[in-house]
Amino acid sequence: MIHADLHIHTTFSSDSRTRPKTLVDQLVAHPAIKAAAVTDHNTVNGIRTIRQLAIPYPDILIIPGTEITTLQGDIVILGCEELPPKPWSIENVIDFARENACISIAAHPFREFGLGDYAADSGVDAIEVLNGGSSASANKAAQQLAQSMGMPGVGGSDSHRPEDLFSVYTKVNAGLDVDEILKAIKSGLVSAFSGENSIRF
């Protein structure tokens, strides 16, 4: 069982202040959360740099990913080290994830730039049911959507500042291995946590 923050932005996203070294240092220092998904906006350019910084620390894991902006809303892809080809429609992004053994997640579906009602029929692998930047009502609506569809629900801080790292995380029934984590998410072997509260699917 690992604890992972599955939605983090670094300075490779233009709107984030979290430097790659800061992310790695905080991951090393945290007593429980030892895996972090780097999901910068529409880029994977930071993955190699951040993984290099993490090499000296075998007890932490950087999960490669990105957050893609589609016309209908944002989709997080975990497990990718390259971007899907444009145009970035929901269908194209999800097809890319499937073809490359990645996981697609409807990011903050009921917040600005979320998929909203599109999430129900989008074909994503999971729903982000707890997002550190979303309101309680938006998170609740996401939880209800995941429950109604019988889909895995995950959590991520959606951090853009060092002080927000790991505020929301996911317990994953897997080891410290990217492929194991992706399979566990797809199988629903996850619980999303925020503070003292947990959401299980």
N, C-alpha and C. Protein backbone atom coordinates (compact mmCIF):
# COMPACT_ATOMS: atom_id res chain seq x y z
N MET A 1 0.85 -1.19 0.00
CA MET A 1 0.00 0.00 0.00
C MET A 1 0.88 1.24 0.00
N ILE A 2 0.64 2.14 -0.95
CA ILE A 2 1.40 3.39 -0.98
C ILE A 2 0.44 4.57 -0.92
N HIS A 3 0.99 5.73 -0.55
CA HIS A 3 0.25 6.99 -0.55
C HIS A 3 0.83 7.86 -1.66
N ALA A 4 -0.02 8.32 -2.57
CA ALA A 4 0.46 9.07 -3.72
C ALA A 4 -0.40 10.31 -3.97
N ASP A 5 0.25 11.43 -4.25
CA ASP A 5 -0.45 12.62 -4.72
C ASP A 5 -0.45 12.52 -6.25
N LEU A 6 -1.63 12.36 -6.82
CA LEU A 6 -1.72 12.03 -8.26
C LEU A 6 -1.98 13.24 -9.16
N HIS A 7 -1.76 14.45 -8.65
CA HIS A 7 -2.01 15.64 -9.49
C HIS A 7 -1.17 16.79 -8.95
N ILE A 8 0.01 17.00 -9.56
CA ILE A 8 0.94 18.03 -9.09
C ILE A 8 1.50 18.81 -10.28
N HIS A 9 1.61 20.13 -10.10
CA HIS A 9 2.21 20.99 -11.12
C HIS A 9 3.53 21.58 -10.60
N THR A 10 4.52 21.62 -11.48
CA THR A 10 5.81 22.23 -11.15
C THR A 10 6.00 23.47 -12.02
N THR A 11 7.17 24.06 -11.93
CA THR A 11 7.45 25.26 -12.72
C THR A 11 7.50 24.98 -14.21
N PHE A 12 7.38 23.73 -14.61
CA PHE A 12 7.21 23.44 -16.04
C PHE A 12 5.79 23.76 -16.49
N SER A 13 4.90 24.05 -15.54
CA SER A 13 3.61 24.67 -15.83
C SER A 13 3.77 26.16 -15.57
N SER A 14 3.29 26.99 -16.48
CA SER A 14 3.52 28.43 -16.36
C SER A 14 2.87 29.05 -15.13
N ASP A 15 1.87 28.38 -14.57
CA ASP A 15 1.14 28.94 -13.44
C ASP A 15 1.54 28.33 -12.10
N SER A 16 2.65 27.59 -12.05
CA SER A 16 3.07 26.94 -10.81
C SER A 16 4.37 27.54 -10.29
N ARG A 17 4.50 27.56 -8.95
CA ARG A 17 5.70 28.07 -8.30
C ARG A 17 6.54 26.95 -7.66
N THR A 18 6.12 25.70 -7.84
CA THR A 18 6.83 24.58 -7.21
C THR A 18 7.99 24.12 -8.08
N ARG A 19 9.20 24.34 -7.60
CA ARG A 19 10.38 23.93 -8.34
C ARG A 19 10.55 22.41 -8.25
N PRO A 20 11.09 21.78 -9.28
CA PRO A 20 11.30 20.33 -9.25
C PRO A 20 12.04 19.85 -8.01
N LYS A 21 13.11 20.54 -7.61
CA LYS A 21 13.87 20.11 -6.44
C LYS A 21 13.03 20.21 -5.17
N THR A 22 12.18 21.23 -5.11
CA THR A 22 11.30 21.37 -3.94
C THR A 22 10.35 20.19 -3.83
N LEU A 23 9.78 19.78 -4.95
CA LEU A 23 8.90 18.62 -4.96
C LEU A 23 9.63 17.38 -4.45
N VAL A 24 10.81 17.13 -4.98
CA VAL A 24 11.56 15.94 -4.57
C VAL A 24 11.93 16.02 -3.09
N ASP A 25 12.40 17.17 -2.64
CA ASP A 25 12.79 17.33 -1.24
C ASP A 25 11.60 17.09 -0.30
N GLN A 26 10.43 17.61 -0.66
CA GLN A 26 9.26 17.44 0.20
C GLN A 26 8.77 15.99 0.18
N LEU A 27 8.92 15.33 -0.95
CA LEU A 27 8.54 13.92 -1.04
C LEU A 27 9.46 13.07 -0.16
N VAL A 28 10.74 13.37 -0.19
CA VAL A 28 11.71 12.66 0.65
C VAL A 28 11.39 12.88 2.13
N ALA A 29 11.04 14.11 2.48
CA ALA A 29 10.82 14.46 3.88
C ALA A 29 9.48 13.99 4.43
N HIS A 30 8.50 13.77 3.57
CA HIS A 30 7.16 13.42 4.05
C HIS A 30 7.17 12.04 4.68
N PRO A 31 6.52 11.87 5.83
CA PRO A 31 6.56 10.58 6.52
C PRO A 31 5.74 9.48 5.86
N ALA A 32 4.75 9.85 5.02
CA ALA A 32 3.86 8.82 4.46
C ALA A 32 3.76 8.86 2.95
N ILE A 33 3.64 10.04 2.37
CA ILE A 33 3.45 10.14 0.92
C ILE A 33 4.81 10.02 0.23
N LYS A 34 4.95 8.97 -0.58
CA LYS A 34 6.24 8.67 -1.20
C LYS A 34 6.15 8.56 -2.72
N ALA A 35 4.98 8.86 -3.30
CA ALA A 35 4.83 8.85 -4.75
C ALA A 35 4.09 10.11 -5.17
N ALA A 36 4.52 10.67 -6.30
CA ALA A 36 3.91 11.90 -6.80
C ALA A 36 3.81 11.84 -8.31
N ALA A 37 2.65 12.18 -8.82
CA ALA A 37 2.46 12.25 -10.27
C ALA A 37 2.69 13.69 -10.73
N VAL A 38 3.64 13.87 -11.62
CA VAL A 38 3.91 15.18 -12.19
C VAL A 38 3.01 15.35 -13.40
N THR A 39 2.07 16.28 -13.31
CA THR A 39 1.03 16.44 -14.34
C THR A 39 0.99 17.88 -14.83
N ASP A 40 2.11 18.35 -15.34
CA ASP A 40 2.15 19.74 -15.81
C ASP A 40 1.23 19.94 -17.01
N HIS A 41 0.80 21.18 -17.17
CA HIS A 41 -0.18 21.51 -18.21
C HIS A 41 0.40 21.33 -19.61
N ASN A 42 -0.15 20.38 -20.34
CA ASN A 42 0.14 20.22 -21.77
C ASN A 42 1.63 20.06 -22.08
N THR A 43 2.36 19.47 -21.15
CA THR A 43 3.78 19.23 -21.39
C THR A 43 4.27 18.06 -20.53
N VAL A 44 5.29 17.39 -21.04
CA VAL A 44 6.00 16.36 -20.26
C VAL A 44 7.47 16.74 -20.12
N ASN A 45 7.79 17.99 -20.40
CA ASN A 45 9.18 18.42 -20.46
C ASN A 45 9.92 18.31 -19.13
N GLY A 46 9.19 18.32 -18.02
CA GLY A 46 9.86 18.27 -16.73
C GLY A 46 10.13 16.88 -16.20
N ILE A 47 9.54 15.87 -16.82
CA ILE A 47 9.60 14.52 -16.26
C ILE A 47 11.05 14.03 -16.11
N ARG A 48 11.85 14.16 -17.14
CA ARG A 48 13.22 13.64 -17.09
C ARG A 48 14.02 14.35 -15.99
N THR A 49 13.89 15.66 -15.93
CA THR A 49 14.61 16.44 -14.92
C THR A 49 14.24 16.00 -13.51
N ILE A 50 12.94 15.85 -13.26
CA ILE A 50 12.47 15.50 -11.91
C ILE A 50 12.86 14.08 -11.56
N ARG A 51 12.79 13.19 -12.51
CA ARG A 51 13.21 11.81 -12.24
C ARG A 51 14.70 11.74 -11.93
N GLN A 52 15.49 12.55 -12.61
CA GLN A 52 16.94 12.59 -12.34
C GLN A 52 17.18 13.05 -10.91
N LEU A 53 16.45 14.05 -10.47
CA LEU A 53 16.61 14.56 -9.11
C LEU A 53 16.22 13.51 -8.07
N ALA A 54 15.28 12.61 -8.45
CA ALA A 54 14.78 11.60 -7.51
C ALA A 54 15.65 10.34 -7.45
N ILE A 55 16.57 10.17 -8.39
CA ILE A 55 17.38 8.94 -8.46
C ILE A 55 18.08 8.60 -7.15
N PRO A 56 18.64 9.57 -6.42
CA PRO A 56 19.35 9.21 -5.18
C PRO A 56 18.45 8.68 -4.07
N TYR A 57 17.12 8.73 -4.28
CA TYR A 57 16.18 8.38 -3.21
C TYR A 57 15.31 7.20 -3.65
N PRO A 58 15.74 5.97 -3.36
CA PRO A 58 15.01 4.79 -3.84
C PRO A 58 13.65 4.59 -3.17
N ASP A 59 13.37 5.34 -2.09
CA ASP A 59 12.10 5.16 -1.40
C ASP A 59 11.02 6.12 -1.87
N ILE A 60 11.29 6.88 -2.94
CA ILE A 60 10.25 7.74 -3.52
C ILE A 60 10.08 7.40 -5.00
N LEU A 61 8.92 7.78 -5.54
CA LEU A 61 8.62 7.47 -6.94
C LEU A 61 7.99 8.67 -7.62
N ILE A 62 8.50 9.02 -8.78
CA ILE A 62 7.90 10.05 -9.63
C ILE A 62 7.11 9.34 -10.72
N ILE A 63 5.82 9.60 -10.78
CA ILE A 63 4.94 9.01 -11.80
C ILE A 63 4.84 10.00 -12.95
N PRO A 64 5.23 9.61 -14.16
CA PRO A 64 5.14 10.55 -15.28
C PRO A 64 3.70 10.79 -15.69
N GLY A 65 3.43 12.01 -16.12
CA GLY A 65 2.07 12.32 -16.56
C GLY A 65 1.96 13.71 -17.14
N THR A 66 0.75 14.11 -17.43
CA THR A 66 0.45 15.45 -17.93
C THR A 66 -1.03 15.72 -17.74
N GLU A 67 -1.38 16.99 -17.75
CA GLU A 67 -2.79 17.39 -17.74
C GLU A 67 -3.08 18.08 -19.07
N ILE A 68 -3.89 17.42 -19.88
CA ILE A 68 -4.17 17.91 -21.23
C ILE A 68 -5.45 18.75 -21.24
N THR A 69 -5.36 19.90 -21.88
CA THR A 69 -6.51 20.78 -22.02
C THR A 69 -7.24 20.43 -23.32
N THR A 70 -8.41 19.82 -23.19
CA THR A 70 -9.24 19.58 -24.38
C THR A 70 -10.31 20.67 -24.44
N LEU A 71 -11.00 20.75 -25.55
CA LEU A 71 -12.05 21.76 -25.69
C LEU A 71 -13.17 21.53 -24.68
N GLN A 72 -13.37 20.28 -24.29
CA GLN A 72 -14.46 19.95 -23.36
C GLN A 72 -14.03 20.01 -21.90
N GLY A 73 -12.73 19.97 -21.62
CA GLY A 73 -12.25 20.00 -20.25
C GLY A 73 -10.93 19.26 -20.09
N ASP A 74 -10.39 19.30 -18.89
CA ASP A 74 -9.05 18.77 -18.62
C ASP A 74 -9.07 17.26 -18.34
N ILE A 75 -8.07 16.59 -18.88
CA ILE A 75 -7.87 15.16 -18.65
C ILE A 75 -6.43 14.94 -18.20
N VAL A 76 -6.26 14.28 -17.06
CA VAL A 76 -4.94 13.89 -16.60
C VAL A 76 -4.61 12.52 -17.19
N ILE A 77 -3.41 12.40 -17.72
CA ILE A 77 -2.91 11.11 -18.20
C ILE A 77 -1.74 10.72 -17.32
N LEU A 78 -1.79 9.52 -16.74
CA LEU A 78 -0.69 9.02 -15.93
C LEU A 78 0.01 7.89 -16.67
N GLY A 79 1.34 7.91 -16.59
CA GLY A 79 2.13 6.87 -17.24
C GLY A 79 2.73 7.29 -18.56
N CYS A 80 2.47 8.51 -18.99
CA CYS A 80 2.96 8.94 -20.31
C CYS A 80 4.23 9.77 -20.18
N GLU A 81 5.11 9.59 -21.13
CA GLU A 81 6.32 10.40 -21.20
C GLU A 81 6.38 11.16 -22.52
N GLU A 82 5.27 11.14 -23.25
CA GLU A 82 5.13 11.96 -24.45
C GLU A 82 3.69 12.43 -24.53
N LEU A 83 3.47 13.48 -25.31
CA LEU A 83 2.13 14.04 -25.43
C LEU A 83 1.32 13.32 -26.49
N PRO A 84 0.00 13.25 -26.31
CA PRO A 84 -0.83 12.71 -27.39
C PRO A 84 -0.78 13.64 -28.59
N PRO A 85 -1.00 13.11 -29.78
CA PRO A 85 -1.00 13.97 -30.97
C PRO A 85 -2.24 14.87 -30.98
N LYS A 86 -2.07 16.03 -31.54
CA LYS A 86 -3.21 16.95 -31.70
C LYS A 86 -4.02 16.53 -32.90
N PRO A 87 -5.29 16.92 -32.98
CA PRO A 87 -6.02 17.78 -32.04
C PRO A 87 -6.37 17.06 -30.76
N TRP A 88 -6.42 17.82 -29.66
CA TRP A 88 -6.69 17.25 -28.35
C TRP A 88 -8.18 17.22 -28.06
N SER A 89 -8.87 16.30 -28.70
CA SER A 89 -10.27 16.04 -28.36
C SER A 89 -10.29 15.01 -27.25
N ILE A 90 -11.43 14.88 -26.57
CA ILE A 90 -11.56 13.84 -25.54
C ILE A 90 -11.21 12.48 -26.13
N GLU A 91 -11.79 12.18 -27.29
CA GLU A 91 -11.60 10.86 -27.90
C GLU A 91 -10.13 10.60 -28.21
N ASN A 92 -9.46 11.58 -28.80
CA ASN A 92 -8.06 11.39 -29.17
C ASN A 92 -7.16 11.19 -27.95
N VAL A 93 -7.41 11.96 -26.90
CA VAL A 93 -6.58 11.87 -25.70
C VAL A 93 -6.78 10.52 -25.02
N ILE A 94 -8.03 10.08 -24.91
CA ILE A 94 -8.30 8.80 -24.26
C ILE A 94 -7.81 7.63 -25.11
N ASP A 95 -7.96 7.73 -26.42
CA ASP A 95 -7.41 6.69 -27.31
C ASP A 95 -5.90 6.58 -27.15
N PHE A 96 -5.23 7.72 -27.05
CA PHE A 96 -3.77 7.72 -26.85
C PHE A 96 -3.42 7.02 -25.55
N ALA A 97 -4.16 7.33 -24.48
CA ALA A 97 -3.89 6.70 -23.18
C ALA A 97 -4.05 5.19 -23.28
N ARG A 98 -5.11 4.73 -23.90
CA ARG A 98 -5.36 3.29 -24.03
C ARG A 98 -4.28 2.61 -24.85
N GLU A 99 -3.91 3.23 -25.96
CA GLU A 99 -2.94 2.62 -26.86
C GLU A 99 -1.53 2.56 -26.26
N ASN A 100 -1.29 3.38 -25.25
CA ASN A 100 0.04 3.44 -24.65
C ASN A 100 0.07 2.94 -23.20
N ALA A 101 -0.97 2.16 -22.83
CA ALA A 101 -1.05 1.56 -21.49
C ALA A 101 -0.96 2.60 -20.38
N CYS A 102 -1.57 3.74 -20.62
CA CYS A 102 -1.63 4.80 -19.63
C CYS A 102 -3.02 4.82 -18.98
N ILE A 103 -3.20 5.68 -17.98
CA ILE A 103 -4.47 5.84 -17.30
C ILE A 103 -4.99 7.25 -17.57
N SER A 104 -6.27 7.37 -17.93
CA SER A 104 -6.88 8.68 -18.13
C SER A 104 -7.83 8.98 -16.97
N ILE A 105 -7.76 10.21 -16.49
CA ILE A 105 -8.54 10.63 -15.33
C ILE A 105 -9.26 11.94 -15.65
N ALA A 106 -10.56 12.00 -15.36
CA ALA A 106 -11.31 13.25 -15.49
C ALA A 106 -10.89 14.15 -14.34
N ALA A 107 -10.12 15.19 -14.63
CA ALA A 107 -9.62 16.09 -13.59
C ALA A 107 -10.72 17.05 -13.15
N HIS A 108 -10.83 17.22 -11.81
CA HIS A 108 -11.80 18.18 -11.23
C HIS A 108 -13.02 18.39 -12.15
N PRO A 109 -13.82 17.34 -12.36
CA PRO A 109 -14.85 17.42 -13.41
C PRO A 109 -15.90 18.50 -13.22
N PHE A 110 -16.15 18.94 -11.99
CA PHE A 110 -17.20 19.94 -11.78
C PHE A 110 -16.66 21.28 -11.31
N ARG A 111 -15.42 21.56 -11.74
CA ARG A 111 -14.81 22.87 -11.52
C ARG A 111 -14.53 23.48 -12.88
N GLU A 112 -14.14 24.73 -12.90
CA GLU A 112 -13.75 25.37 -14.16
C GLU A 112 -12.71 24.51 -14.88
N PHE A 113 -12.89 24.35 -16.16
CA PHE A 113 -12.03 23.53 -17.02
C PHE A 113 -12.19 22.03 -16.78
N GLY A 114 -13.23 21.64 -16.05
CA GLY A 114 -13.52 20.22 -15.88
C GLY A 114 -14.41 19.72 -17.00
N LEU A 115 -14.50 18.40 -17.13
CA LEU A 115 -15.32 17.81 -18.19
C LEU A 115 -16.81 17.94 -17.92
N GLY A 116 -17.18 18.13 -16.66
CA GLY A 116 -18.60 18.24 -16.34
C GLY A 116 -19.38 17.02 -16.79
N ASP A 117 -20.50 17.25 -17.45
CA ASP A 117 -21.36 16.15 -17.90
C ASP A 117 -20.68 15.27 -18.95
N TYR A 118 -19.67 15.81 -19.63
CA TYR A 118 -18.95 15.00 -20.62
C TYR A 118 -18.24 13.81 -19.97
N ALA A 119 -17.90 13.94 -18.68
CA ALA A 119 -17.13 12.89 -18.00
C ALA A 119 -17.86 11.56 -17.99
N ALA A 120 -19.18 11.60 -17.89
CA ALA A 120 -19.97 10.37 -17.76
C ALA A 120 -19.79 9.44 -18.94
N ASP A 121 -19.70 9.99 -20.14
CA ASP A 121 -19.60 9.16 -21.34
C ASP A 121 -18.25 9.29 -22.04
N SER A 122 -17.27 9.82 -21.33
CA SER A 122 -15.99 10.13 -21.98
C SER A 122 -15.12 8.90 -22.20
N GLY A 123 -15.28 7.88 -21.35
CA GLY A 123 -14.42 6.70 -21.46
C GLY A 123 -13.17 6.76 -20.62
N VAL A 124 -13.08 7.75 -19.71
CA VAL A 124 -11.90 7.83 -18.83
C VAL A 124 -11.84 6.61 -17.92
N ASP A 125 -10.64 6.35 -17.39
CA ASP A 125 -10.44 5.20 -16.51
C ASP A 125 -10.82 5.49 -15.08
N ALA A 126 -10.79 6.77 -14.68
CA ALA A 126 -11.06 7.13 -13.29
C ALA A 126 -11.55 8.57 -13.22
N ILE A 127 -12.15 8.89 -12.08
CA ILE A 127 -12.64 10.25 -11.81
C ILE A 127 -11.84 10.82 -10.64
N GLU A 128 -11.41 12.06 -10.77
CA GLU A 128 -10.76 12.73 -9.64
C GLU A 128 -11.86 13.21 -8.70
N VAL A 129 -12.05 12.47 -7.60
CA VAL A 129 -13.16 12.74 -6.69
C VAL A 129 -12.78 13.71 -5.58
N LEU A 130 -11.48 13.85 -5.34
CA LEU A 130 -11.00 14.84 -4.39
C LEU A 130 -9.88 15.62 -5.05
N ASN A 131 -10.07 16.93 -5.17
CA ASN A 131 -9.10 17.82 -5.79
C ASN A 131 -8.86 18.97 -4.84
N GLY A 132 -7.59 19.22 -4.55
CA GLY A 132 -7.24 20.23 -3.57
C GLY A 132 -7.66 21.64 -3.93
N GLY A 133 -7.93 21.90 -5.21
CA GLY A 133 -8.33 23.23 -5.62
C GLY A 133 -9.82 23.38 -5.86
N SER A 134 -10.58 22.32 -5.62
CA SER A 134 -12.02 22.34 -5.87
C SER A 134 -12.80 22.59 -4.59
N SER A 135 -13.99 23.13 -4.75
CA SER A 135 -14.87 23.35 -3.61
C SER A 135 -15.41 22.02 -3.10
N ALA A 136 -15.94 22.04 -1.89
CA ALA A 136 -16.52 20.83 -1.32
C ALA A 136 -17.67 20.33 -2.17
N SER A 137 -18.47 21.25 -2.70
CA SER A 137 -19.62 20.84 -3.52
C SER A 137 -19.17 20.23 -4.84
N ALA A 138 -18.10 20.78 -5.44
CA ALA A 138 -17.59 20.22 -6.70
C ALA A 138 -17.01 18.83 -6.47
N ASN A 139 -16.29 18.66 -5.36
CA ASN A 139 -15.75 17.33 -5.04
C ASN A 139 -16.87 16.34 -4.76
N LYS A 140 -17.90 16.79 -4.07
CA LYS A 140 -19.02 15.90 -3.77
C LYS A 140 -19.71 15.45 -5.05
N ALA A 141 -19.90 16.37 -5.99
CA ALA A 141 -20.51 16.01 -7.27
C ALA A 141 -19.65 15.00 -8.02
N ALA A 142 -18.32 15.15 -7.93
CA ALA A 142 -17.41 14.20 -8.58
C ALA A 142 -17.51 12.83 -7.91
N GLN A 143 -17.62 12.82 -6.58
CA GLN A 143 -17.77 11.55 -5.86
C GLN A 143 -19.06 10.84 -6.27
N GLN A 144 -20.12 11.61 -6.37
CA GLN A 144 -21.42 11.04 -6.76
C GLN A 144 -21.36 10.48 -8.18
N LEU A 145 -20.67 11.18 -9.07
CA LEU A 145 -20.52 10.71 -10.44
C LEU A 145 -19.78 9.37 -10.47
N ALA A 146 -18.66 9.30 -9.76
CA ALA A 146 -17.88 8.07 -9.74
C ALA A 146 -18.69 6.92 -9.16
N GLN A 147 -19.44 7.17 -8.09
CA GLN A 147 -20.26 6.14 -7.48
C GLN A 147 -21.35 5.66 -8.43
N SER A 148 -22.00 6.61 -9.10
CA SER A 148 -23.09 6.24 -10.00
C SER A 148 -22.61 5.43 -11.18
N MET A 149 -21.35 5.65 -11.59
CA MET A 149 -20.79 4.94 -12.73
C MET A 149 -19.99 3.71 -12.32
N GLY A 150 -19.81 3.52 -11.02
CA GLY A 150 -18.99 2.41 -10.55
C GLY A 150 -17.54 2.53 -10.98
N MET A 151 -17.03 3.77 -10.98
CA MET A 151 -15.67 4.02 -11.46
C MET A 151 -14.72 4.29 -10.31
N PRO A 152 -13.43 4.01 -10.51
CA PRO A 152 -12.44 4.34 -9.49
C PRO A 152 -12.41 5.85 -9.23
N GLY A 153 -12.24 6.20 -7.97
CA GLY A 153 -12.12 7.61 -7.59
C GLY A 153 -10.76 7.88 -6.97
N VAL A 154 -10.05 8.87 -7.49
CA VAL A 154 -8.71 9.19 -7.01
C VAL A 154 -8.67 10.62 -6.51
N GLY A 155 -7.59 10.94 -5.80
CA GLY A 155 -7.42 12.29 -5.27
C GLY A 155 -6.04 12.83 -5.56
N GLY A 156 -5.98 14.15 -5.71
CA GLY A 156 -4.71 14.82 -5.93
C GLY A 156 -4.79 16.26 -5.46
N SER A 157 -3.68 16.80 -5.02
CA SER A 157 -3.68 18.17 -4.49
C SER A 157 -3.93 19.21 -5.57
N ASP A 158 -3.56 18.90 -6.82
CA ASP A 158 -3.57 19.91 -7.90
C ASP A 158 -2.74 21.10 -7.48
N SER A 159 -1.65 20.80 -6.78
CA SER A 159 -0.81 21.83 -6.21
C SER A 159 -0.09 22.65 -7.28
N HIS A 160 -0.12 23.97 -7.07
CA HIS A 160 0.66 24.90 -7.88
C HIS A 160 1.65 25.68 -7.02
N ARG A 161 1.64 25.41 -5.70
CA ARG A 161 2.52 26.07 -4.74
C ARG A 161 3.08 25.02 -3.78
N PRO A 162 4.32 25.19 -3.34
CA PRO A 162 4.91 24.19 -2.43
C PRO A 162 4.06 23.92 -1.20
N GLU A 163 3.41 24.95 -0.67
CA GLU A 163 2.65 24.77 0.57
C GLU A 163 1.38 23.93 0.37
N ASP A 164 0.99 23.71 -0.87
CA ASP A 164 -0.22 22.92 -1.14
C ASP A 164 0.09 21.46 -1.50
N LEU A 165 1.36 21.12 -1.61
CA LEU A 165 1.72 19.74 -1.96
C LEU A 165 1.14 18.76 -0.95
N PHE A 166 0.60 17.66 -1.46
CA PHE A 166 0.16 16.51 -0.65
C PHE A 166 -1.06 16.81 0.23
N SER A 167 -1.77 17.92 -0.01
CA SER A 167 -2.96 18.22 0.78
C SER A 167 -4.07 17.22 0.52
N VAL A 168 -4.05 16.62 -0.66
CA VAL A 168 -4.97 15.54 -1.03
C VAL A 168 -4.11 14.43 -1.62
N TYR A 169 -4.46 13.19 -1.32
CA TYR A 169 -3.66 12.08 -1.83
C TYR A 169 -4.53 10.84 -2.00
N THR A 170 -3.95 9.84 -2.58
CA THR A 170 -4.64 8.58 -2.85
C THR A 170 -3.87 7.43 -2.23
N LYS A 171 -4.57 6.58 -1.50
CA LYS A 171 -3.98 5.31 -1.07
C LYS A 171 -4.17 4.32 -2.21
N VAL A 172 -3.08 3.73 -2.64
CA VAL A 172 -3.12 2.79 -3.76
C VAL A 172 -2.61 1.44 -3.29
N ASN A 173 -3.38 0.41 -3.56
CA ASN A 173 -2.99 -0.94 -3.15
C ASN A 173 -1.99 -1.49 -4.17
N ALA A 174 -0.77 -0.98 -4.06
CA ALA A 174 0.30 -1.35 -5.00
C ALA A 174 1.63 -1.05 -4.34
N GLY A 175 2.69 -1.55 -4.97
CA GLY A 175 4.03 -1.22 -4.52
C GLY A 175 4.51 0.06 -5.16
N LEU A 176 5.77 0.41 -4.90
CA LEU A 176 6.35 1.64 -5.42
C LEU A 176 6.85 1.41 -6.84
N ASP A 177 5.88 1.19 -7.75
CA ASP A 177 6.17 0.84 -9.13
C ASP A 177 5.08 1.44 -10.02
N VAL A 178 5.47 2.14 -11.07
CA VAL A 178 4.50 2.86 -11.89
C VAL A 178 3.47 1.91 -12.50
N ASP A 179 3.91 0.82 -13.09
CA ASP A 179 2.97 -0.10 -13.73
C ASP A 179 1.98 -0.69 -12.72
N GLU A 180 2.48 -1.05 -11.55
CA GLU A 180 1.60 -1.58 -10.50
C GLU A 180 0.55 -0.54 -10.10
N ILE A 181 0.99 0.70 -9.97
CA ILE A 181 0.07 1.77 -9.57
C ILE A 181 -1.00 1.99 -10.62
N LEU A 182 -0.62 2.01 -11.88
CA LEU A 182 -1.59 2.23 -12.95
C LEU A 182 -2.62 1.10 -12.98
N LYS A 183 -2.15 -0.12 -12.83
CA LYS A 183 -3.07 -1.27 -12.82
C LYS A 183 -4.02 -1.21 -11.63
N ALA A 184 -3.50 -0.81 -10.48
CA ALA A 184 -4.33 -0.71 -9.28
C ALA A 184 -5.40 0.36 -9.43
N ILE A 185 -5.04 1.49 -10.03
CA ILE A 185 -6.03 2.55 -10.25
C ILE A 185 -7.13 2.04 -11.16
N LYS A 186 -6.74 1.42 -12.24
CA LYS A 186 -7.72 0.93 -13.20
C LYS A 186 -8.63 -0.12 -12.57
N SER A 187 -8.09 -0.89 -11.63
CA SER A 187 -8.87 -1.93 -10.96
C SER A 187 -9.69 -1.39 -9.79
N GLY A 188 -9.54 -0.12 -9.49
CA GLY A 188 -10.31 0.47 -8.40
C GLY A 188 -9.75 0.20 -7.02
N LEU A 189 -8.49 -0.19 -6.95
CA LEU A 189 -7.87 -0.50 -5.66
C LEU A 189 -7.28 0.77 -5.05
N VAL A 190 -8.15 1.77 -4.86
CA VAL A 190 -7.73 3.10 -4.45
C VAL A 190 -8.73 3.70 -3.45
N SER A 191 -8.24 4.61 -2.63
CA SER A 191 -9.07 5.40 -1.72
C SER A 191 -8.52 6.81 -1.73
N ALA A 192 -9.38 7.81 -1.87
CA ALA A 192 -8.95 9.20 -1.92
C ALA A 192 -9.09 9.84 -0.54
N PHE A 193 -8.07 10.60 -0.17
CA PHE A 193 -8.04 11.20 1.17
C PHE A 193 -7.78 12.70 1.11
N SER A 194 -8.44 13.41 2.00
CA SER A 194 -8.21 14.84 2.19
C SER A 194 -8.32 15.12 3.68
N GLY A 195 -7.24 15.47 4.31
CA GLY A 195 -7.26 15.67 5.75
C GLY A 195 -7.60 14.37 6.45
N GLU A 196 -8.63 14.42 7.29
CA GLU A 196 -9.02 13.24 8.05
C GLU A 196 -10.11 12.43 7.34
N ASN A 197 -10.59 12.92 6.19
CA ASN A 197 -11.71 12.25 5.51
C ASN A 197 -11.20 11.35 4.41
N SER A 198 -11.91 10.26 4.16
CA SER A 198 -11.54 9.37 3.06
C SER A 198 -12.77 9.01 2.25
N ILE A 199 -12.57 8.76 0.97
CA ILE A 199 -13.62 8.34 0.06
C ILE A 199 -13.17 7.03 -0.55
N ARG A 200 -14.00 5.99 -0.41
CA ARG A 200 -13.62 4.68 -0.94
C ARG A 200 -14.57 4.24 -2.04
N PHE A 201 -14.01 3.60 -3.06
CA PHE A 201 -14.81 3.07 -4.17
C PHE A 201 -14.41 1.63 -4.41
